[in-house]
Amino acid sequence: MRNHQALTERDEAFIRRQIESGRYEDREAVIQAGLRMLEEFEDAQEQWLEEVIPARHAELQRDPSRAVSLEAARARFKQRHNADMAKTK
């Protein structure tokens, strides 16, 4: 069963660029690649939510001294963000 969805002009232009670059043979190949990437992302997110987060929570319950304050976490993220922004300049 095939469904046809109308895409925005921006999406259609992206598909054309991918085909023109030679990376993909046709429109369907571009869409299939995008769906595979989305599926991989969703699977990784599900694993993170179902496995990683509960394991970290259990770890913190066993040893609360490993916890990081909100302020320290924000500082780490800000430092990482600033370093990433400096790389793009």
C-alpha atoms as a PDB file:
ATOM      1  CA  MET A   1       0.000   0.000   0.000  1.00  0.00           C
ATOM      2  CA  ARG A   2       1.499   3.310  -1.055  1.00  0.00           C
ATOM      3  CA  ASN A   3       0.565   6.617   0.473  1.00  0.00           C
ATOM      4  CA  HIS A   4       1.523   9.847  -1.190  1.00  0.00           C
ATOM      5  CA  GLN A   5       2.088  12.870   0.976  1.00  0.00           C
ATOM      6  CA  ALA A   6       2.518  16.396  -0.249  1.00  0.00           C
ATOM      7  CA  LEU A   7       5.783  17.878   0.975  1.00  0.00           C
ATOM      8  CA  THR A   8       6.696  21.502   1.386  1.00  0.00           C
ATOM      9  CA  GLU A   9       8.749  23.180  -1.323  1.00  0.00           C
ATOM     10  CA  ARG A  10      11.645  23.305   1.131  1.00  0.00           C
ATOM     11  CA  ASP A  11      11.475  19.518   1.603  1.00  0.00           C
ATOM     12  CA  GLU A  12      11.186  18.914  -2.143  1.00  0.00           C
ATOM     13  CA  ALA A  13      14.220  21.162  -2.747  1.00  0.00           C
ATOM     14  CA  PHE A  14      16.198  19.187  -0.160  1.00  0.00           C
ATOM     15  CA  ILE A  15      15.276  15.921  -1.873  1.00  0.00           C
ATOM     16  CA  ARG A  16      16.330  17.322  -5.259  1.00  0.00           C
ATOM     17  CA  ARG A  17      19.696  18.435  -3.834  1.00  0.00           C
ATOM     18  CA  GLN A  18      20.321  14.976  -2.404  1.00  0.00           C
ATOM     19  CA  ILE A  19      19.582  13.332  -5.751  1.00  0.00           C
ATOM     20  CA  GLU A  20      21.659  15.901  -7.653  1.00  0.00           C
ATOM     21  CA  SER A  21      24.584  15.295  -5.302  1.00  0.00           C
ATOM     22  CA  GLY A  22      24.603  11.665  -6.418  1.00  0.00           C
ATOM     23  CA  ARG A  23      24.174  10.341  -2.892  1.00  0.00           C
ATOM     24  CA  TYR A  24      20.715   8.984  -3.680  1.00  0.00           C
ATOM     25  CA  GLU A  25      19.264   7.483  -6.820  1.00  0.00           C
ATOM     26  CA  ASP A  26      15.747   8.832  -6.499  1.00  0.00           C
ATOM     27  CA  ARG A  27      13.139  10.485  -4.298  1.00  0.00           C
ATOM     28  CA  GLU A  28      12.143   7.218  -2.652  1.00  0.00           C
ATOM     29  CA  ALA A  29      15.743   6.470  -1.626  1.00  0.00           C
ATOM     30  CA  VAL A  30      16.023   9.872   0.074  1.00  0.00           C
ATOM     31  CA  ILE A  31      12.771   9.361   1.970  1.00  0.00           C
ATOM     32  CA  GLN A  32      13.738   5.809   2.988  1.00  0.00           C
ATOM     33  CA  ALA A  33      17.096   7.044   4.308  1.00  0.00           C
ATOM     34  CA  GLY A  34      15.326   9.728   6.328  1.00  0.00           C
ATOM     35  CA  LEU A  35      12.914   7.197   7.784  1.00  0.00           C
ATOM     36  CA  ARG A  36      15.793   4.873   8.731  1.00  0.00           C
ATOM     37  CA  MET A  37      17.516   7.745  10.531  1.00  0.00           C
ATOM     38  CA  LEU A  38      14.287   8.627  12.338  1.00  0.00           C
ATOM     39  CA  GLU A  39      13.814   5.000  13.372  1.00  0.00           C
ATOM     40  CA  GLU A  40      17.390   4.809  14.702  1.00  0.00           C
ATOM     41  CA  PHE A  41      16.861   8.045  16.633  1.00  0.00           C
ATOM     42  CA  GLU A  42      13.582   6.817  18.119  1.00  0.00           C
ATOM     43  CA  ASP A  43      15.169   3.474  19.104  1.00  0.00           C
ATOM     44  CA  ALA A  44      18.092   5.256  20.789  1.00  0.00           C
ATOM     45  CA  GLN A  45      15.750   7.598  22.630  1.00  0.00           C
ATOM     46  CA  GLU A  46      13.622   4.670  23.814  1.00  0.00           C
ATOM     47  CA  GLN A  47      16.720   2.828  25.047  1.00  0.00           C
ATOM     48  CA  TRP A  48      17.894   5.954  26.864  1.00  0.00           C
ATOM     49  CA  LEU A  49      14.534   6.386  28.579  1.00  0.00           C
ATOM     50  CA  GLU A  50      14.050   2.709  29.444  1.00  0.00           C
ATOM     51  CA  GLU A  51      17.612   1.688  30.312  1.00  0.00           C
ATOM     52  CA  VAL A  52      20.050   4.540  30.843  1.00  0.00           C
ATOM     53  CA  ILE A  53      17.887   6.855  32.926  1.00  0.00           C
ATOM     54  CA  PRO A  54      16.665   4.131  35.330  1.00  0.00           C
ATOM     55  CA  ALA A  55      20.237   2.854  35.741  1.00  0.00           C
ATOM     56  CA  ARG A  56      21.510   6.341  36.552  1.00  0.00           C
ATOM     57  CA  HIS A  57      18.661   6.872  38.996  1.00  0.00           C
ATOM     58  CA  ALA A  58      19.448   3.590  40.752  1.00  0.00           C
ATOM     59  CA  GLU A  59      23.132   4.569  40.855  1.00  0.00           C
ATOM     60  CA  LEU A  60      22.289   7.869  42.545  1.00  0.00           C
ATOM     61  CA  GLN A  61      20.041   6.123  45.037  1.00  0.00           C
ATOM     62  CA  ARG A  62      22.923   3.809  45.966  1.00  0.00           C
ATOM     63  CA  ASP A  63      25.432   6.658  46.220  1.00  0.00           C
ATOM     64  CA  PRO A  64      23.846  10.125  46.581  1.00  0.00           C
ATOM     65  CA  SER A  65      27.293  11.736  46.805  1.00  0.00           C
ATOM     66  CA  ARG A  66      27.593  11.289  43.019  1.00  0.00           C
ATOM     67  CA  ALA A  67      24.761  13.749  42.425  1.00  0.00           C
ATOM     68  CA  VAL A  68      25.542  17.030  40.664  1.00  0.00           C
ATOM     69  CA  SER A  69      23.823  20.252  41.680  1.00  0.00           C
ATOM     70  CA  LEU A  70      21.652  22.073  39.182  1.00  0.00           C
ATOM     71  CA  GLU A  71      24.065  25.008  39.214  1.00  0.00           C
ATOM     72  CA  ALA A  72      27.034  22.734  38.453  1.00  0.00           C
ATOM     73  CA  ALA A  73      25.128  21.028  35.643  1.00  0.00           C
ATOM     74  CA  ARG A  74      24.184  24.380  34.105  1.00  0.00           C
ATOM     75  CA  ALA A  75      27.801  25.531  34.322  1.00  0.00           C
ATOM     76  CA  ARG A  76      28.978  22.364  32.550  1.00  0.00           C
ATOM     77  CA  PHE A  77      26.414  22.751  29.781  1.00  0.00           C
ATOM     78  CA  LYS A  78      27.268  26.429  29.344  1.00  0.00           C
ATOM     79  CA  GLN A  79      30.979  25.618  29.161  1.00  0.00           C
ATOM     80  CA  ARG A  80      30.337  22.878  26.587  1.00  0.00           C
ATOM     81  CA  HIS A  81      28.062  25.154  24.569  1.00  0.00           C
ATOM     82  CA  ASN A  82      30.617  27.979  24.565  1.00  0.00           C
ATOM     83  CA  ALA A  83      33.356  25.563  23.462  1.00  0.00           C
ATOM     84  CA  ASP A  84      31.146  24.255  20.634  1.00  0.00           C
ATOM     85  CA  MET A  85      30.288  27.798  19.540  1.00  0.00           C
ATOM     86  CA  ALA A  86      33.986  28.739  19.512  1.00  0.00           C
ATOM     87  CA  LYS A  87      34.694  25.821  17.159  1.00  0.00           C
ATOM     88  CA  THR A  88      32.169  27.122  14.613  1.00  0.00           C
ATOM     89  CA  LYS A  89      33.791  30.554  14.356  1.00  0.00           C
END
